[in-house]
Amino acid sequence: MNEPITAGALLKILPEVAGSALSIRLNTSTIGPFNRLCAFALGVAMAHFVGAAVAEWFELSGAMGDAARFVSGVFGLNIAAEANKQIPEIFKAAIDRIGGKK
């Protein structure tokens, strides 16, 4: 059963959101607003899962666990933004490969 979204649940992802928000502010790549929004969402998701995995792996709790999630948010957004920029080139290369162009 799905649990309702509460203020407590939103506070749990605050470090991830803050890391991605800071990163999107400092990101200098030229991507459109929709791609920025997608990169932000992917950065939060990466920070949530990767940051939690890092915190669990190194047995970090409290502020140190939140710091791991924050740092994962900062770098996660940049990784997502760069991957998002490569998607059209990957599709073009795949179409050229399938179509016979070299």
N, C-alpha and C. Protein backbone atom coordinates (compact mmCIF):
# COMPACT_ATOMS: atom_id res chain seq x y z
N MET A 1 0.84 -1.17 0.00
CA MET A 1 0.00 0.00 0.00
C MET A 1 0.90 1.25 0.00
N ASN A 2 0.52 2.25 -0.75
CA ASN A 2 1.28 3.48 -0.82
C ASN A 2 1.06 4.30 0.44
N GLU A 3 2.15 4.88 0.91
CA GLU A 3 2.05 5.75 2.08
C GLU A 3 1.87 7.18 1.61
N PRO A 4 1.13 7.99 2.36
CA PRO A 4 0.94 9.38 1.96
C PRO A 4 2.24 10.18 2.11
N ILE A 5 2.38 11.18 1.28
CA ILE A 5 3.54 12.06 1.37
C ILE A 5 3.28 13.07 2.47
N THR A 6 4.15 13.09 3.45
CA THR A 6 4.00 14.01 4.58
C THR A 6 5.22 14.92 4.64
N ALA A 7 5.15 15.91 5.52
CA ALA A 7 6.27 16.83 5.69
C ALA A 7 7.50 16.09 6.20
N GLY A 8 7.31 15.10 7.04
CA GLY A 8 8.43 14.31 7.55
C GLY A 8 9.12 13.54 6.45
N ALA A 9 8.34 13.01 5.50
CA ALA A 9 8.92 12.28 4.38
C ALA A 9 9.69 13.22 3.47
N LEU A 10 9.18 14.43 3.29
CA LEU A 10 9.88 15.40 2.45
C LEU A 10 11.17 15.89 3.11
N LEU A 11 11.18 15.98 4.44
CA LEU A 11 12.39 16.40 5.13
C LEU A 11 13.50 15.37 5.03
N LYS A 12 13.13 14.10 4.84
CA LYS A 12 14.13 13.06 4.72
C LYS A 12 14.98 13.21 3.45
N ILE A 13 14.40 13.79 2.39
CA ILE A 13 15.16 13.95 1.15
C ILE A 13 15.72 15.37 0.99
N LEU A 14 15.69 16.15 2.04
CA LEU A 14 16.20 17.52 1.98
C LEU A 14 17.67 17.60 1.57
N PRO A 15 18.58 16.75 2.09
CA PRO A 15 19.98 16.84 1.65
C PRO A 15 20.14 16.56 0.15
N GLU A 16 19.37 15.61 -0.38
CA GLU A 16 19.46 15.29 -1.80
C GLU A 16 18.99 16.46 -2.66
N VAL A 17 17.87 17.05 -2.25
CA VAL A 17 17.32 18.18 -3.00
C VAL A 17 18.26 19.38 -2.91
N ALA A 18 18.82 19.64 -1.73
CA ALA A 18 19.73 20.77 -1.57
C ALA A 18 20.99 20.60 -2.42
N GLY A 19 21.53 19.39 -2.46
CA GLY A 19 22.72 19.14 -3.27
C GLY A 19 22.46 19.34 -4.74
N SER A 20 21.33 18.84 -5.22
CA SER A 20 20.99 19.01 -6.64
C SER A 20 20.66 20.46 -6.96
N ALA A 21 20.00 21.15 -6.04
CA ALA A 21 19.67 22.56 -6.27
C ALA A 21 20.93 23.41 -6.34
N LEU A 22 21.88 23.16 -5.46
CA LEU A 22 23.15 23.89 -5.51
C LEU A 22 23.88 23.59 -6.81
N SER A 23 23.87 22.34 -7.20
CA SER A 23 24.56 21.95 -8.41
C SER A 23 23.93 22.55 -9.66
N ILE A 24 22.60 22.62 -9.69
CA ILE A 24 21.95 23.21 -10.86
C ILE A 24 22.23 24.70 -10.94
N ARG A 25 22.41 25.33 -9.80
CA ARG A 25 22.75 26.76 -9.79
C ARG A 25 24.17 26.99 -10.29
N LEU A 26 25.08 26.08 -9.97
CA LEU A 26 26.48 26.24 -10.36
C LEU A 26 26.81 25.60 -11.70
N ASN A 27 25.88 24.84 -12.26
CA ASN A 27 26.12 24.16 -13.53
C ASN A 27 26.17 25.18 -14.66
N THR A 28 27.24 25.16 -15.43
CA THR A 28 27.42 26.15 -16.49
C THR A 28 27.13 25.59 -17.88
N SER A 29 26.72 24.31 -17.97
CA SER A 29 26.45 23.74 -19.29
C SER A 29 25.20 24.36 -19.89
N THR A 30 25.17 24.41 -21.20
CA THR A 30 24.05 25.05 -21.90
C THR A 30 23.03 23.98 -22.26
N ILE A 31 22.10 23.76 -21.34
CA ILE A 31 20.99 22.84 -21.60
C ILE A 31 19.69 23.59 -21.36
N GLY A 32 18.65 23.14 -22.03
CA GLY A 32 17.35 23.81 -21.95
C GLY A 32 16.67 23.59 -20.61
N PRO A 33 15.57 24.31 -20.39
CA PRO A 33 14.85 24.21 -19.11
C PRO A 33 14.30 22.81 -18.84
N PHE A 34 13.76 22.14 -19.86
CA PHE A 34 13.23 20.79 -19.65
C PHE A 34 14.35 19.84 -19.29
N ASN A 35 15.50 19.95 -19.96
CA ASN A 35 16.64 19.09 -19.65
C ASN A 35 17.20 19.40 -18.27
N ARG A 36 17.15 20.66 -17.86
CA ARG A 36 17.59 21.01 -16.50
C ARG A 36 16.68 20.37 -15.46
N LEU A 37 15.38 20.39 -15.73
CA LEU A 37 14.43 19.79 -14.81
C LEU A 37 14.65 18.28 -14.73
N CYS A 38 14.86 17.66 -15.88
CA CYS A 38 15.14 16.21 -15.89
C CYS A 38 16.44 15.92 -15.15
N ALA A 39 17.47 16.72 -15.38
CA ALA A 39 18.75 16.51 -14.70
C ALA A 39 18.59 16.70 -13.19
N PHE A 40 17.78 17.68 -12.78
CA PHE A 40 17.54 17.90 -11.36
C PHE A 40 16.85 16.68 -10.74
N ALA A 41 15.82 16.19 -11.40
CA ALA A 41 15.10 15.01 -10.88
C ALA A 41 16.02 13.79 -10.82
N LEU A 42 16.82 13.58 -11.86
CA LEU A 42 17.75 12.46 -11.86
C LEU A 42 18.84 12.64 -10.81
N GLY A 43 19.27 13.89 -10.59
CA GLY A 43 20.26 14.17 -9.55
C GLY A 43 19.73 13.85 -8.17
N VAL A 44 18.47 14.20 -7.92
CA VAL A 44 17.86 13.88 -6.62
C VAL A 44 17.73 12.37 -6.47
N ALA A 45 17.30 11.70 -7.53
CA ALA A 45 17.16 10.24 -7.47
C ALA A 45 18.50 9.55 -7.25
N MET A 46 19.54 10.00 -7.97
CA MET A 46 20.87 9.42 -7.79
C MET A 46 21.37 9.66 -6.38
N ALA A 47 21.15 10.87 -5.88
CA ALA A 47 21.60 11.18 -4.52
C ALA A 47 20.86 10.34 -3.50
N HIS A 48 19.58 10.12 -3.73
CA HIS A 48 18.79 9.34 -2.79
C HIS A 48 19.30 7.90 -2.70
N PHE A 49 19.53 7.29 -3.84
CA PHE A 49 19.93 5.89 -3.84
C PHE A 49 21.42 5.71 -3.64
N VAL A 50 22.24 6.46 -4.37
CA VAL A 50 23.70 6.32 -4.24
C VAL A 50 24.17 6.85 -2.89
N GLY A 51 23.62 7.99 -2.47
CA GLY A 51 24.00 8.54 -1.17
C GLY A 51 23.63 7.62 -0.03
N ALA A 52 22.46 7.02 -0.13
CA ALA A 52 22.05 6.06 0.91
C ALA A 52 22.95 4.83 0.90
N ALA A 53 23.34 4.38 -0.29
CA ALA A 53 24.24 3.21 -0.38
C ALA A 53 25.61 3.54 0.21
N VAL A 54 26.11 4.73 -0.08
CA VAL A 54 27.41 5.15 0.47
C VAL A 54 27.32 5.26 1.99
N ALA A 55 26.25 5.85 2.47
CA ALA A 55 26.08 6.00 3.92
C ALA A 55 25.98 4.64 4.60
N GLU A 56 25.31 3.71 3.96
CA GLU A 56 25.19 2.37 4.54
C GLU A 56 26.52 1.63 4.46
N TRP A 57 27.22 1.75 3.33
CA TRP A 57 28.50 1.05 3.14
C TRP A 57 29.52 1.48 4.18
N PHE A 58 29.63 2.78 4.39
CA PHE A 58 30.62 3.30 5.34
C PHE A 58 30.05 3.47 6.75
N GLU A 59 28.84 2.99 6.97
CA GLU A 59 28.17 3.05 8.26
C GLU A 59 28.10 4.48 8.81
N LEU A 60 27.67 5.40 7.94
CA LEU A 60 27.52 6.80 8.33
C LEU A 60 26.09 7.02 8.80
N SER A 61 25.94 7.80 9.83
CA SER A 61 24.59 8.12 10.31
C SER A 61 24.55 9.59 10.70
N GLY A 62 23.35 10.08 10.83
CA GLY A 62 23.17 11.48 11.25
C GLY A 62 23.67 12.45 10.21
N ALA A 63 24.44 13.43 10.66
CA ALA A 63 24.93 14.48 9.78
C ALA A 63 25.89 13.96 8.72
N MET A 64 26.67 12.95 9.05
CA MET A 64 27.61 12.40 8.06
C MET A 64 26.84 11.69 6.94
N GLY A 65 25.78 10.99 7.27
CA GLY A 65 24.94 10.36 6.24
C GLY A 65 24.27 11.39 5.35
N ASP A 66 23.80 12.48 5.98
CA ASP A 66 23.21 13.57 5.20
C ASP A 66 24.24 14.23 4.29
N ALA A 67 25.47 14.36 4.78
CA ALA A 67 26.54 14.95 3.97
C ALA A 67 26.84 14.06 2.76
N ALA A 68 26.83 12.75 2.93
CA ALA A 68 27.04 11.83 1.81
C ALA A 68 25.94 11.99 0.78
N ARG A 69 24.71 12.17 1.23
CA ARG A 69 23.60 12.36 0.30
C ARG A 69 23.71 13.71 -0.40
N PHE A 70 24.12 14.75 0.32
CA PHE A 70 24.28 16.08 -0.27
C PHE A 70 25.35 16.06 -1.37
N VAL A 71 26.49 15.46 -1.07
CA VAL A 71 27.57 15.40 -2.05
C VAL A 71 27.15 14.55 -3.25
N SER A 72 26.42 13.49 -3.01
CA SER A 72 25.91 12.67 -4.11
C SER A 72 24.94 13.48 -4.98
N GLY A 73 24.18 14.38 -4.36
CA GLY A 73 23.28 15.25 -5.12
C GLY A 73 24.03 16.23 -5.98
N VAL A 74 25.11 16.78 -5.46
CA VAL A 74 25.91 17.74 -6.23
C VAL A 74 26.50 17.07 -7.47
N PHE A 75 27.12 15.92 -7.28
CA PHE A 75 27.75 15.25 -8.41
C PHE A 75 26.74 14.49 -9.26
N GLY A 76 25.66 14.01 -8.66
CA GLY A 76 24.65 13.27 -9.41
C GLY A 76 23.99 14.12 -10.47
N LEU A 77 23.71 15.38 -10.17
CA LEU A 77 23.09 16.25 -11.17
C LEU A 77 24.03 16.48 -12.33
N ASN A 78 25.30 16.69 -12.07
CA ASN A 78 26.24 16.92 -13.17
C ASN A 78 26.39 15.68 -14.04
N ILE A 79 26.40 14.51 -13.44
CA ILE A 79 26.47 13.28 -14.21
C ILE A 79 25.21 13.14 -15.07
N ALA A 80 24.06 13.41 -14.48
CA ALA A 80 22.79 13.31 -15.22
C ALA A 80 22.72 14.33 -16.34
N ALA A 81 23.21 15.56 -16.10
CA ALA A 81 23.17 16.59 -17.13
C ALA A 81 24.06 16.22 -18.32
N GLU A 82 25.24 15.70 -18.04
CA GLU A 82 26.14 15.30 -19.12
C GLU A 82 25.58 14.11 -19.89
N ALA A 83 24.98 13.17 -19.18
CA ALA A 83 24.37 12.01 -19.86
C ALA A 83 23.19 12.46 -20.71
N ASN A 84 22.43 13.43 -20.22
CA ASN A 84 21.28 13.94 -20.94
C ASN A 84 21.71 14.62 -22.24
N LYS A 85 22.86 15.27 -22.24
CA LYS A 85 23.36 15.92 -23.46
C LYS A 85 23.82 14.89 -24.48
N GLN A 86 24.22 13.70 -24.05
CA GLN A 86 24.74 12.68 -24.96
C GLN A 86 23.64 11.86 -25.62
N ILE A 87 22.42 11.90 -25.12
CA ILE A 87 21.35 11.05 -25.64
C ILE A 87 21.08 11.28 -27.13
N PRO A 88 20.97 12.53 -27.63
CA PRO A 88 20.74 12.70 -29.07
C PRO A 88 21.88 12.13 -29.93
N GLU A 89 23.10 12.27 -29.47
CA GLU A 89 24.23 11.73 -30.22
C GLU A 89 24.20 10.20 -30.25
N ILE A 90 23.79 9.59 -29.14
CA ILE A 90 23.68 8.13 -29.09
C ILE A 90 22.60 7.65 -30.05
N PHE A 91 21.46 8.32 -30.08
CA PHE A 91 20.39 7.94 -31.01
C PHE A 91 20.84 8.10 -32.46
N LYS A 92 21.53 9.20 -32.75
CA LYS A 92 22.01 9.44 -34.11
C LYS A 92 22.99 8.36 -34.53
N ALA A 93 23.91 8.00 -33.65
CA ALA A 93 24.88 6.96 -33.96
C ALA A 93 24.20 5.62 -34.16
N ALA A 94 23.19 5.32 -33.36
CA ALA A 94 22.46 4.04 -33.49
C ALA A 94 21.69 4.01 -34.81
N ILE A 95 21.05 5.11 -35.18
CA ILE A 95 20.31 5.17 -36.44
C ILE A 95 21.26 5.05 -37.62
N ASP A 96 22.39 5.73 -37.55
CA ASP A 96 23.39 5.61 -38.61
C ASP A 96 23.92 4.19 -38.72
N ARG A 97 24.12 3.56 -37.61
CA ARG A 97 24.64 2.18 -37.59
C ARG A 97 23.61 1.21 -38.18
N ILE A 98 22.36 1.37 -37.79
CA ILE A 98 21.31 0.48 -38.28
C ILE A 98 21.01 0.78 -39.75
N GLY A 99 21.03 2.05 -40.11
CA GLY A 99 20.73 2.45 -41.49
C GLY A 99 21.84 2.16 -42.47
N GLY A 100 23.00 1.80 -41.99
CA GLY A 100 24.10 1.45 -42.89
C GLY A 100 25.10 2.57 -43.11
N LYS A 101 24.87 3.76 -42.58
CA LYS A 101 25.83 4.84 -42.74
C LYS A 101 27.00 4.62 -41.79
N LYS A 102 28.18 5.00 -42.21
CA LYS A 102 29.34 4.83 -41.34
C LYS A 102 30.08 6.12 -41.16
